[in-house]
């Protein structure tokens, strides 16, 4: 389920590379898959675009916490 979601988000990002929702949800899906490095990259990219979006900071913190476990 999460792998299919990542593919869908990639398809959307190929059309609109700065689509915040796709970046955030792709990052969250990657966290569920245990791919913390790619998740962090995705979420960092989103945070550079919208640094004031709280849900991005929450997802980034979840990624950091999960990768430390």
N, C-alpha and C. Protein backbone atom coordinates (compact mmCIF):
# COMPACT_ATOMS: atom_id res chain seq x y z
N UNK A 1 0.81 -1.18 0.00
CA UNK A 1 0.00 0.00 0.00
C UNK A 1 0.87 1.27 0.00
N UNK A 2 1.89 1.32 0.85
CA UNK A 2 2.72 2.52 0.92
C UNK A 2 3.61 2.66 -0.31
N UNK A 3 4.06 1.53 -0.86
CA UNK A 3 4.88 1.59 -2.08
C UNK A 3 4.08 2.18 -3.24
N UNK A 4 2.83 1.75 -3.35
CA UNK A 4 1.96 2.28 -4.41
C UNK A 4 1.71 3.77 -4.21
N UNK A 5 1.59 4.17 -2.96
CA UNK A 5 1.39 5.59 -2.66
C UNK A 5 2.61 6.41 -3.09
N UNK A 6 3.80 5.90 -2.80
CA UNK A 6 5.03 6.61 -3.19
C UNK A 6 5.08 6.77 -4.71
N UNK A 7 4.71 5.73 -5.44
CA UNK A 7 4.70 5.82 -6.91
C UNK A 7 3.71 6.88 -7.36
N UNK A 8 2.54 6.92 -6.74
CA UNK A 8 1.54 7.94 -7.10
C UNK A 8 2.05 9.35 -6.80
N UNK A 9 2.67 9.52 -5.64
CA UNK A 9 3.22 10.84 -5.31
C UNK A 9 4.33 11.23 -6.27
N UNK A 10 5.16 10.27 -6.66
CA UNK A 10 6.21 10.56 -7.64
C UNK A 10 5.61 11.00 -8.97
N UNK A 11 4.53 10.35 -9.37
CA UNK A 11 3.87 10.75 -10.62
C UNK A 11 3.35 12.18 -10.54
N UNK A 12 2.76 12.52 -9.42
CA UNK A 12 2.27 13.89 -9.24
C UNK A 12 3.41 14.90 -9.18
N UNK A 13 4.48 14.53 -8.50
CA UNK A 13 5.63 15.44 -8.38
C UNK A 13 6.36 15.62 -9.70
N UNK A 14 6.24 14.65 -10.61
CA UNK A 14 6.83 14.81 -11.93
C UNK A 14 6.12 15.92 -12.71
N UNK A 15 4.85 16.10 -12.40
CA UNK A 15 4.06 17.15 -13.06
C UNK A 15 4.21 18.48 -12.33
N UNK A 16 4.16 18.43 -11.01
CA UNK A 16 4.25 19.64 -10.18
C UNK A 16 5.25 19.39 -9.04
N UNK A 17 6.53 19.66 -9.30
CA UNK A 17 7.60 19.31 -8.35
C UNK A 17 7.50 19.95 -6.96
N UNK A 18 6.81 21.06 -6.84
CA UNK A 18 6.73 21.75 -5.55
C UNK A 18 5.37 21.57 -4.87
N UNK A 19 4.66 20.51 -5.22
CA UNK A 19 3.34 20.25 -4.64
C UNK A 19 3.52 19.77 -3.19
N UNK A 20 3.24 20.65 -2.26
CA UNK A 20 3.51 20.41 -0.84
C UNK A 20 2.83 19.15 -0.31
N UNK A 21 1.56 18.97 -0.62
CA UNK A 21 0.84 17.80 -0.10
C UNK A 21 1.50 16.50 -0.57
N UNK A 22 1.91 16.45 -1.82
CA UNK A 22 2.56 15.24 -2.34
C UNK A 22 3.91 15.02 -1.66
N UNK A 23 4.66 16.08 -1.46
CA UNK A 23 5.95 15.96 -0.78
C UNK A 23 5.77 15.45 0.65
N UNK A 24 4.82 16.05 1.35
CA UNK A 24 4.59 15.64 2.75
C UNK A 24 4.13 14.19 2.84
N UNK A 25 3.15 13.83 2.05
CA UNK A 25 2.59 12.49 2.16
C UNK A 25 3.53 11.42 1.61
N UNK A 26 4.33 11.79 0.61
CA UNK A 26 5.37 10.86 0.16
C UNK A 26 6.37 10.63 1.30
N UNK A 27 6.75 11.70 1.98
CA UNK A 27 7.66 11.56 3.12
C UNK A 27 7.08 10.67 4.20
N UNK A 28 5.82 10.86 4.50
CA UNK A 28 5.17 10.03 5.52
C UNK A 28 5.11 8.56 5.10
N UNK A 29 4.81 8.32 3.82
CA UNK A 29 4.77 6.94 3.31
C UNK A 29 6.15 6.31 3.41
N UNK A 30 7.18 7.08 3.08
CA UNK A 30 8.54 6.55 3.16
C UNK A 30 8.93 6.22 4.60
N UNK A 31 8.45 7.00 5.55
CA UNK A 31 8.70 6.69 6.96
C UNK A 31 8.09 5.32 7.29
N UNK A 32 6.87 5.09 6.84
CA UNK A 32 6.21 3.80 7.11
C UNK A 32 6.97 2.64 6.46
N UNK A 33 7.64 2.92 5.36
CA UNK A 33 8.43 1.89 4.68
C UNK A 33 9.82 1.72 5.29
N UNK A 34 10.18 2.60 6.24
CA UNK A 34 11.49 2.53 6.87
C UNK A 34 12.59 3.19 6.07
N UNK A 35 12.22 3.95 5.05
CA UNK A 35 13.20 4.64 4.21
C UNK A 35 13.37 6.07 4.74
N UNK A 36 14.06 6.17 5.87
CA UNK A 36 14.14 7.44 6.58
C UNK A 36 14.99 8.48 5.84
N UNK A 37 16.00 8.05 5.15
CA UNK A 37 16.85 9.00 4.43
C UNK A 37 16.08 9.70 3.31
N UNK A 38 15.35 8.92 2.50
CA UNK A 38 14.56 9.53 1.43
C UNK A 38 13.39 10.33 2.00
N UNK A 39 12.83 9.86 3.11
CA UNK A 39 11.74 10.60 3.75
C UNK A 39 12.24 11.97 4.22
N UNK A 40 13.39 11.98 4.85
CA UNK A 40 13.96 13.25 5.34
C UNK A 40 14.25 14.20 4.18
N UNK A 41 14.77 13.67 3.08
CA UNK A 41 15.05 14.49 1.91
C UNK A 41 13.77 15.13 1.38
N UNK A 42 12.74 14.33 1.30
CA UNK A 42 11.45 14.80 0.80
C UNK A 42 10.85 15.86 1.72
N UNK A 43 10.87 15.60 3.00
CA UNK A 43 10.31 16.54 3.97
C UNK A 43 11.14 17.81 4.06
N UNK A 44 12.45 17.70 3.97
CA UNK A 44 13.31 18.90 3.97
C UNK A 44 13.01 19.78 2.76
N UNK A 45 12.80 19.14 1.62
CA UNK A 45 12.45 19.90 0.41
C UNK A 45 11.14 20.66 0.62
N UNK A 46 10.16 20.00 1.21
CA UNK A 46 8.87 20.64 1.48
C UNK A 46 9.04 21.79 2.47
N UNK A 47 9.87 21.58 3.49
CA UNK A 47 10.09 22.63 4.50
C UNK A 47 10.79 23.86 3.91
N UNK A 48 11.63 23.66 2.90
CA UNK A 48 12.26 24.82 2.25
C UNK A 48 11.22 25.66 1.51
N UNK A 49 10.17 25.00 1.05
CA UNK A 49 9.11 25.71 0.32
C UNK A 49 8.12 26.35 1.28
N UNK A 50 7.72 25.61 2.32
CA UNK A 50 6.71 26.09 3.29
C UNK A 50 7.21 25.88 4.71
N UNK A 51 8.15 26.69 5.17
CA UNK A 51 8.75 26.46 6.50
C UNK A 51 7.79 26.70 7.67
N UNK A 52 6.65 27.31 7.42
CA UNK A 52 5.72 27.60 8.51
C UNK A 52 4.58 26.58 8.62
N UNK A 53 4.66 25.49 7.88
CA UNK A 53 3.60 24.48 7.90
C UNK A 53 3.89 23.46 9.01
N UNK A 54 3.09 23.52 10.06
CA UNK A 54 3.32 22.70 11.25
C UNK A 54 3.33 21.20 10.96
N UNK A 55 2.48 20.75 10.06
CA UNK A 55 2.42 19.31 9.79
C UNK A 55 3.72 18.80 9.18
N UNK A 56 4.43 19.66 8.47
CA UNK A 56 5.74 19.26 7.93
C UNK A 56 6.76 19.07 9.04
N UNK A 57 6.73 19.96 10.02
CA UNK A 57 7.64 19.83 11.16
C UNK A 57 7.32 18.57 11.97
N UNK A 58 6.03 18.27 12.10
CA UNK A 58 5.62 17.06 12.81
C UNK A 58 6.12 15.82 12.09
N UNK A 59 5.95 15.79 10.77
CA UNK A 59 6.41 14.65 9.99
C UNK A 59 7.94 14.53 10.05
N UNK A 60 8.62 15.66 9.99
CA UNK A 60 10.09 15.66 10.05
C UNK A 60 10.56 15.13 11.40
N UNK A 61 9.91 15.53 12.46
CA UNK A 61 10.26 15.04 13.80
C UNK A 61 9.99 13.54 13.91
N UNK A 62 8.89 13.09 13.34
CA UNK A 62 8.58 11.65 13.36
C UNK A 62 9.64 10.87 12.61
N UNK A 63 10.11 11.41 11.52
CA UNK A 63 11.16 10.76 10.73
C UNK A 63 12.45 10.68 11.53
N UNK A 64 12.81 11.77 12.15
CA UNK A 64 14.03 11.81 12.95
C UNK A 64 13.96 10.83 14.11
N UNK A 65 12.83 10.80 14.78
CA UNK A 65 12.64 9.90 15.92
C UNK A 65 12.70 8.44 15.47
N UNK A 66 12.04 8.14 14.37
CA UNK A 66 12.01 6.76 13.87
C UNK A 66 13.39 6.30 13.42
N UNK A 67 14.13 7.21 12.81
CA UNK A 67 15.45 6.81 12.31
C UNK A 67 16.45 6.61 13.46
N UNK A 68 16.19 7.22 14.62
CA UNK A 68 17.06 7.07 15.78
C UNK A 68 16.76 5.78 16.56
N UNK A 69 15.61 5.20 16.29
CA UNK A 69 15.19 4.00 17.05
C UNK A 69 15.93 2.75 16.63
